Amino acid sequence: MEKKSSYQLMNQEEREKKIAELQVLEQELGSLKKNARVYQSHGNSNVFFVAEREKVHSETKLSITKLTDIHNKNGKQ
């Protein structure tokens, strides 16, 4: 049995909202200066850790791509 990702378990409306949220995040990360500090939460914690801006930016782009692919695939069914 194929394991479904959290993106696959979302309904269409939730995926659309998440895509929009990630696109805003991508734009914000892209507009930061090279030496800007970025903080990232891990898990369901209120603790944030310093993260590499470029790494977070590329992870965000990848998430948008994955989510958009799933959204388009499920939208055609």
Protein backbone atom coordinates (compact mmCIF):
# COMPACT_ATOMS: atom_id res chain seq x y z
CA MET A 1 0.00 0.00 0.00
CA GLU A 2 1.35 3.40 -1.00
CA LYS A 3 2.02 5.82 1.86
CA LYS A 4 0.37 9.19 1.26
CA SER A 5 2.08 12.46 2.09
CA SER A 6 0.38 15.16 4.13
CA TYR A 7 -0.06 17.12 0.88
CA GLN A 8 -1.96 14.21 -0.68
CA LEU A 9 -4.28 14.03 2.32
CA MET A 10 -5.31 17.69 1.96
CA ASN A 11 -8.49 18.56 0.12
CA GLN A 12 -8.39 20.84 -2.92
CA GLU A 13 -9.19 24.02 -0.99
CA GLU A 14 -6.50 23.32 1.63
CA ARG A 15 -3.93 22.68 -1.11
CA GLU A 16 -4.83 25.97 -2.84
CA LYS A 17 -4.37 27.87 0.44
CA LYS A 18 -1.05 26.12 1.15
CA ILE A 19 0.21 26.87 -2.39
CA ALA A 20 -0.67 30.56 -1.95
CA GLU A 21 1.03 30.61 1.47
CA LEU A 22 4.19 29.01 0.10
CA GLN A 23 4.27 31.40 -2.86
CA VAL A 24 4.15 34.37 -0.49
CA LEU A 25 6.93 32.80 1.59
CA GLU A 26 9.01 32.26 -1.55
CA GLN A 27 8.61 35.92 -2.55
CA GLU A 28 9.53 37.08 0.95
CA LEU A 29 12.63 34.87 1.06
CA GLY A 30 13.65 36.04 -2.40
CA SER A 31 13.45 39.69 -1.37
CA LEU A 32 15.71 39.31 1.68
CA LYS A 33 19.28 40.56 1.68
CA LYS A 34 21.97 37.91 1.34
CA ASN A 35 23.06 38.30 4.97
CA ALA A 36 19.53 38.30 6.46
CA ARG A 37 18.88 35.81 9.24
CA VAL A 38 16.08 33.31 8.73
CA TYR A 39 14.55 31.28 11.54
CA GLN A 40 12.74 28.01 11.10
CA SER A 41 10.53 26.02 13.46
CA HIS A 42 11.03 22.27 13.70
CA GLY A 43 7.94 20.16 14.32
CA ASN A 44 5.10 21.42 16.47
CA SER A 45 7.40 23.50 18.62
CA ASN A 46 7.44 27.18 19.48
CA VAL A 47 11.23 27.08 19.35
CA PHE A 48 12.88 28.57 16.27
CA PHE A 49 16.40 27.88 15.01
CA VAL A 50 18.62 29.88 12.68
CA ALA A 51 18.46 28.39 9.18
CA GLU A 52 20.30 29.04 5.93
CA ARG A 53 18.26 31.41 3.78
CA GLU A 54 19.12 29.67 0.51
CA LYS A 55 18.27 26.24 1.92
CA VAL A 56 14.87 27.41 3.19
CA HIS A 57 14.23 29.15 -0.14
CA SER A 58 15.02 26.01 -2.16
CA GLU A 59 12.93 23.82 0.21
CA THR A 60 10.02 26.22 -0.27
CA LYS A 61 10.34 26.05 -4.06
CA LEU A 62 10.42 22.25 -3.89
CA SER A 63 7.33 22.19 -1.68
CA ILE A 64 5.47 24.44 -4.12
CA THR A 65 6.41 22.16 -7.01
CA LYS A 66 5.33 18.99 -5.19
CA LEU A 67 2.08 20.50 -3.96
CA THR A 68 1.23 21.97 -7.36
CA ASP A 69 1.88 18.61 -9.04
CA ILE A 70 -0.38 16.80 -6.56
CA HIS A 71 -3.02 19.51 -6.88
CA ASN A 72 -3.02 19.33 -10.68
CA LYS A 73 -3.01 15.53 -10.66
CA ASN A 74 -5.96 15.32 -8.24
CA GLY A 75 -7.82 18.14 -9.96
CA LYS A 76 -7.95 16.20 -13.23
CA GLN A 77 -9.50 13.11 -11.65
